[in-house]
Amino acid sequence: MSELLKKNQKAPDFSVLNQNDELLSLSAYQGEKNVVLYFYPKDDTPGCTIEARDFTALAGEFAALDTVILGVSKDDCESHRAFIEKYDLTVQLLADVSGELTESYGVWQEVEKDGVKKWKIVRSTFIINKQGILVEAWYGVNHDGHAQLVLDTLKALA
């Protein structure tokens, strides 16, 4: 596992395909938009669906703060398209099938449940400002109310 990221450090750049097979890079937003980069374990699972729908419901408020929302999992583009279509999501989803992005942000972690260890994406969120600096880094978040917490944090930073 790579080291956990901390506030005030430069966010690792990335170039990853979104749900439409378009290459998206963090650097493309520099100077233009803040980025909320949230990592979730799997498309179309209960907690991940709630989180994606909550971010979608607040998308207009994030946009008003010059902020784009990018969700990341290891699901492929086709899975992301089906997830977006099924729930009418407006957030962009990045397909980190190689795992490089999840590794670079330290969210690919070994967890233990009921005595069984396995590797998975630990639900985490990062706020990256227009200069490409991490202004917030949350690991192991709960999906309930999380999108609102992220929005409130952005408002407080504005």
C-alpha atoms as a PDB file:
ATOM      1  CA  MET A   1       0.000   0.000   0.000  1.00  0.00           C
ATOM      2  CA  SER A   2       1.224   3.464  -0.787  1.00  0.00           C
ATOM      3  CA  GLU A   3       1.455   6.237   1.753  1.00  0.00           C
ATOM      4  CA  LEU A   4      -1.683   8.127   2.750  1.00  0.00           C
ATOM      5  CA  LEU A   5      -1.991  11.610   1.318  1.00  0.00           C
ATOM      6  CA  LYS A   6      -2.321  14.658   3.532  1.00  0.00           C
ATOM      7  CA  LYS A   7      -3.747  18.135   3.260  1.00  0.00           C
ATOM      8  CA  ASN A   8      -1.566  20.822   1.642  1.00  0.00           C
ATOM      9  CA  GLN A   9       0.431  18.460  -0.558  1.00  0.00           C
ATOM     10  CA  LYS A  10       0.273  18.368  -4.327  1.00  0.00           C
ATOM     11  CA  ALA A  11      -2.373  15.944  -5.573  1.00  0.00           C
ATOM     12  CA  PRO A  12      -0.990  13.098  -7.704  1.00  0.00           C
ATOM     13  CA  ASP A  13      -1.825  13.770 -11.356  1.00  0.00           C
ATOM     14  CA  PHE A  14      -3.647  11.145 -13.355  1.00  0.00           C
ATOM     15  CA  SER A  15      -4.992  10.357 -16.805  1.00  0.00           C
ATOM     16  CA  VAL A  16      -7.826   7.814 -16.703  1.00  0.00           C
ATOM     17  CA  LEU A  17     -10.753   6.944 -18.953  1.00  0.00           C
ATOM     18  CA  ASN A  18     -14.186   8.157 -17.904  1.00  0.00           C
ATOM     19  CA  GLN A  19     -17.484   6.346 -18.520  1.00  0.00           C
ATOM     20  CA  ASN A  20     -17.471   7.528 -22.162  1.00  0.00           C
ATOM     21  CA  ASP A  21     -13.967   6.167 -22.886  1.00  0.00           C
ATOM     22  CA  GLU A  22     -12.598   9.737 -22.845  1.00  0.00           C
ATOM     23  CA  LEU A  23      -9.219  10.339 -21.235  1.00  0.00           C
ATOM     24  CA  LEU A  24      -9.508  12.719 -18.272  1.00  0.00           C
ATOM     25  CA  SER A  25      -6.501  14.258 -16.551  1.00  0.00           C
ATOM     26  CA  LEU A  26      -6.372  16.123 -13.272  1.00  0.00           C
ATOM     27  CA  SER A  27      -4.032  18.684 -14.847  1.00  0.00           C
ATOM     28  CA  ALA A  28      -6.788  19.641 -17.333  1.00  0.00           C
ATOM     29  CA  TYR A  29      -8.731  21.226 -14.457  1.00  0.00           C
ATOM     30  CA  GLN A  30      -5.799  23.199 -13.032  1.00  0.00           C
ATOM     31  CA  GLY A  31      -6.466  26.911 -12.901  1.00  0.00           C
ATOM     32  CA  GLU A  32     -10.095  26.276 -13.924  1.00  0.00           C
ATOM     33  CA  LYS A  33     -11.938  24.065 -11.420  1.00  0.00           C
ATOM     34  CA  ASN A  34     -11.717  22.559  -7.977  1.00  0.00           C
ATOM     35  CA  VAL A  35     -12.020  18.777  -8.083  1.00  0.00           C
ATOM     36  CA  VAL A  36     -13.812  16.467  -5.671  1.00  0.00           C
ATOM     37  CA  LEU A  37     -12.241  13.069  -6.287  1.00  0.00           C
ATOM     38  CA  TYR A  38     -14.126  10.329  -4.489  1.00  0.00           C
ATOM     39  CA  PHE A  39     -13.196   6.663  -4.472  1.00  0.00           C
ATOM     40  CA  TYR A  40     -15.785   3.949  -3.942  1.00  0.00           C
ATOM     41  CA  PRO A  41     -15.599   0.136  -3.951  1.00  0.00           C
ATOM     42  CA  LYS A  42     -18.056  -0.951  -6.675  1.00  0.00           C
ATOM     43  CA  ASP A  43     -20.743   0.259  -9.075  1.00  0.00           C
ATOM     44  CA  ASP A  44     -24.374  -0.487  -8.236  1.00  0.00           C
ATOM     45  CA  THR A  45     -23.847  -1.589  -4.643  1.00  0.00           C
ATOM     46  CA  PRO A  46     -25.993  -0.062  -1.871  1.00  0.00           C
ATOM     47  CA  GLY A  47     -23.531   2.367  -0.238  1.00  0.00           C
ATOM     48  CA  CYS A  48     -21.915   3.355  -3.512  1.00  0.00           C
ATOM     49  CA  THR A  49     -25.302   4.033  -5.082  1.00  0.00           C
ATOM     50  CA  ILE A  50     -26.366   6.269  -2.190  1.00  0.00           C
ATOM     51  CA  GLU A  51     -23.104   8.221  -2.398  1.00  0.00           C
ATOM     52  CA  ALA A  52     -23.299   8.678  -6.197  1.00  0.00           C
ATOM     53  CA  ARG A  53     -26.943   9.766  -6.011  1.00  0.00           C
ATOM     54  CA  ASP A  54     -26.152  12.230  -3.207  1.00  0.00           C
ATOM     55  CA  PHE A  55     -23.319  13.794  -5.222  1.00  0.00           C
ATOM     56  CA  THR A  56     -25.657  13.964  -8.247  1.00  0.00           C
ATOM     57  CA  ALA A  57     -28.375  15.671  -6.179  1.00  0.00           C
ATOM     58  CA  LEU A  58     -25.881  18.342  -5.065  1.00  0.00           C
ATOM     59  CA  ALA A  59     -24.110  18.710  -8.429  1.00  0.00           C
ATOM     60  CA  GLY A  60     -25.580  22.160  -9.095  1.00  0.00           C
ATOM     61  CA  GLU A  61     -24.308  23.482  -5.775  1.00  0.00           C
ATOM     62  CA  PHE A  62     -20.843  22.045  -6.446  1.00  0.00           C
ATOM     63  CA  ALA A  63     -20.867  23.618  -9.934  1.00  0.00           C
ATOM     64  CA  ALA A  64     -21.723  27.000  -8.376  1.00  0.00           C
ATOM     65  CA  LEU A  65     -18.472  26.646  -6.398  1.00  0.00           C
ATOM     66  CA  ASP A  66     -16.447  25.964  -9.598  1.00  0.00           C
ATOM     67  CA  THR A  67     -16.136  22.318  -8.604  1.00  0.00           C
ATOM     68  CA  VAL A  68     -16.302  19.148 -10.681  1.00  0.00           C
ATOM     69  CA  ILE A  69     -17.089  15.780  -9.099  1.00  0.00           C
ATOM     70  CA  LEU A  70     -15.207  12.675 -10.240  1.00  0.00           C
ATOM     71  CA  GLY A  71     -15.988   9.230  -8.842  1.00  0.00           C
ATOM     72  CA  VAL A  72     -13.408   6.457  -9.116  1.00  0.00           C
ATOM     73  CA  SER A  73     -13.619   2.680  -8.859  1.00  0.00           C
ATOM     74  CA  LYS A  74     -11.913  -0.251 -10.552  1.00  0.00           C
ATOM     75  CA  ASP A  75     -15.047  -0.965 -12.603  1.00  0.00           C
ATOM     76  CA  ASP A  76     -14.697  -0.615 -16.381  1.00  0.00           C
ATOM     77  CA  CYS A  77     -16.280   2.049 -18.616  1.00  0.00           C
ATOM     78  CA  GLU A  78     -19.172  -0.212 -19.592  1.00  0.00           C
ATOM     79  CA  SER A  79     -20.057  -0.860 -15.941  1.00  0.00           C
ATOM     80  CA  HIS A  80     -19.894   2.890 -15.238  1.00  0.00           C
ATOM     81  CA  ARG A  81     -22.229   3.662 -18.171  1.00  0.00           C
ATOM     82  CA  ALA A  82     -24.785   1.126 -16.908  1.00  0.00           C
ATOM     83  CA  PHE A  83     -24.535   2.524 -13.349  1.00  0.00           C
ATOM     84  CA  ILE A  84     -25.032   6.106 -14.593  1.00  0.00           C
ATOM     85  CA  GLU A  85     -27.954   5.118 -16.792  1.00  0.00           C
ATOM     86  CA  LYS A  86     -29.686   3.026 -14.120  1.00  0.00           C
ATOM     87  CA  TYR A  87     -29.680   5.843 -11.541  1.00  0.00           C
ATOM     88  CA  ASP A  88     -29.608   8.910 -13.854  1.00  0.00           C
ATOM     89  CA  LEU A  89     -26.291  10.030 -12.362  1.00  0.00           C
ATOM     90  CA  THR A  90     -24.644  13.260 -13.505  1.00  0.00           C
ATOM     91  CA  VAL A  91     -21.215  12.722 -11.940  1.00  0.00           C
ATOM     92  CA  GLN A  92     -18.379  11.497 -14.128  1.00  0.00           C
ATOM     93  CA  LEU A  93     -16.974   8.104 -13.197  1.00  0.00           C
ATOM     94  CA  LEU A  94     -13.371   7.135 -13.842  1.00  0.00           C
ATOM     95  CA  ALA A  95     -12.457   3.551 -14.700  1.00  0.00           C
ATOM     96  CA  ASP A  96      -9.258   2.751 -12.800  1.00  0.00           C
ATOM     97  CA  VAL A  97      -9.089  -0.834 -14.042  1.00  0.00           C
ATOM     98  CA  SER A  98      -5.280  -0.913 -13.683  1.00  0.00           C
ATOM     99  CA  GLY A  99      -5.462   0.266 -10.074  1.00  0.00           C
ATOM    100  CA  GLU A 100      -2.754   2.902 -10.580  1.00  0.00           C
ATOM    101  CA  LEU A 101      -4.971   5.791  -9.501  1.00  0.00           C
ATOM    102  CA  THR A 102      -6.286   4.021  -6.394  1.00  0.00           C
ATOM    103  CA  GLU A 103      -2.687   3.127  -5.469  1.00  0.00           C
ATOM    104  CA  SER A 104      -1.401   6.683  -5.970  1.00  0.00           C
ATOM    105  CA  TYR A 105      -4.058   8.058  -3.612  1.00  0.00           C
ATOM    106  CA  GLY A 106      -3.486   5.340  -0.988  1.00  0.00           C
ATOM    107  CA  VAL A 107      -7.066   4.027  -1.079  1.00  0.00           C
ATOM    108  CA  TRP A 108      -6.225   0.439  -2.115  1.00  0.00           C
ATOM    109  CA  GLN A 109      -5.873  -1.086   1.332  1.00  0.00           C
ATOM    110  CA  GLU A 110      -5.903  -4.445   3.038  1.00  0.00           C
ATOM    111  CA  VAL A 111      -8.913  -4.746   5.329  1.00  0.00           C
ATOM    112  CA  GLU A 112     -10.015  -7.460   7.693  1.00  0.00           C
ATOM    113  CA  LYS A 113     -13.615  -8.469   8.230  1.00  0.00           C
ATOM    114  CA  ASP A 114     -14.664 -11.498  10.288  1.00  0.00           C
ATOM    115  CA  GLY A 115     -11.054 -12.664  10.409  1.00  0.00           C
ATOM    116  CA  VAL A 116     -10.679 -12.612   6.620  1.00  0.00           C
ATOM    117  CA  LYS A 117      -8.173 -10.232   5.050  1.00  0.00           C
ATOM    118  CA  LYS A 118      -8.666  -8.839   1.561  1.00  0.00           C
ATOM    119  CA  TRP A 119      -7.608  -5.883  -0.552  1.00  0.00           C
ATOM    120  CA  LYS A 120     -10.217  -3.332  -1.581  1.00  0.00           C
ATOM    121  CA  ILE A 121     -10.868   0.323  -2.256  1.00  0.00           C
ATOM    122  CA  VAL A 122     -11.463   2.082   1.039  1.00  0.00           C
ATOM    123  CA  ARG A 123     -14.153   4.739   0.501  1.00  0.00           C
ATOM    124  CA  SER A 124     -12.220   8.014   0.485  1.00  0.00           C
ATOM    125  CA  THR A 125     -12.630  11.575  -0.779  1.00  0.00           C
ATOM    126  CA  PHE A 126     -10.210  14.327  -1.722  1.00  0.00           C
ATOM    127  CA  ILE A 127     -10.816  18.006  -2.401  1.00  0.00           C
ATOM    128  CA  ILE A 128      -8.237  19.389  -4.812  1.00  0.00           C
ATOM    129  CA  ASN A 129      -8.093  23.142  -5.375  1.00  0.00           C
ATOM    130  CA  LYS A 130      -7.519  24.938  -8.679  1.00  0.00           C
ATOM    131  CA  GLN A 131      -3.763  24.899  -8.033  1.00  0.00           C
ATOM    132  CA  GLY A 132      -3.734  21.103  -7.753  1.00  0.00           C
ATOM    133  CA  ILE A 133      -3.223  21.087  -3.969  1.00  0.00           C
ATOM    134  CA  LEU A 134      -5.116  18.765  -1.610  1.00  0.00           C
ATOM    135  CA  VAL A 135      -7.193  20.929   0.692  1.00  0.00           C
ATOM    136  CA  GLU A 136      -8.905  17.922   2.268  1.00  0.00           C
ATOM    137  CA  ALA A 137      -8.187  14.181   2.408  1.00  0.00           C
ATOM    138  CA  TRP A 138     -10.658  11.819   4.051  1.00  0.00           C
ATOM    139  CA  TYR A 139     -10.022   8.058   4.285  1.00  0.00           C
ATOM    140  CA  GLY A 140     -12.545   5.453   5.382  1.00  0.00           C
ATOM    141  CA  VAL A 141     -15.604   7.687   5.090  1.00  0.00           C
ATOM    142  CA  ASN A 142     -19.215   6.654   5.594  1.00  0.00           C
ATOM    143  CA  HIS A 143     -21.447   7.269   2.571  1.00  0.00           C
ATOM    144  CA  ASP A 144     -24.348   8.600   4.685  1.00  0.00           C
ATOM    145  CA  GLY A 145     -24.369  12.398   4.448  1.00  0.00           C
ATOM    146  CA  HIS A 146     -20.873  12.467   3.015  1.00  0.00           C
ATOM    147  CA  ALA A 147     -21.674  14.480  -0.132  1.00  0.00           C
ATOM    148  CA  GLN A 148     -23.248  17.202   2.039  1.00  0.00           C
ATOM    149  CA  LEU A 149     -20.167  17.228   4.308  1.00  0.00           C
ATOM    150  CA  VAL A 150     -17.930  17.691   1.256  1.00  0.00           C
ATOM    151  CA  LEU A 151     -20.141  20.534  -0.007  1.00  0.00           C
ATOM    152  CA  ASP A 152     -20.171  22.232   3.412  1.00  0.00           C
ATOM    153  CA  THR A 153     -16.366  21.935   3.576  1.00  0.00           C
ATOM    154  CA  LEU A 154     -16.031  23.534   0.127  1.00  0.00           C
ATOM    155  CA  LYS A 155     -18.359  26.376   1.146  1.00  0.00           C
ATOM    156  CA  ALA A 156     -16.256  27.006   4.253  1.00  0.00           C
ATOM    157  CA  LEU A 157     -13.107  27.158   2.100  1.00  0.00           C
ATOM    158  CA  ALA A 158     -14.641  29.601  -0.392  1.00  0.00           C
END
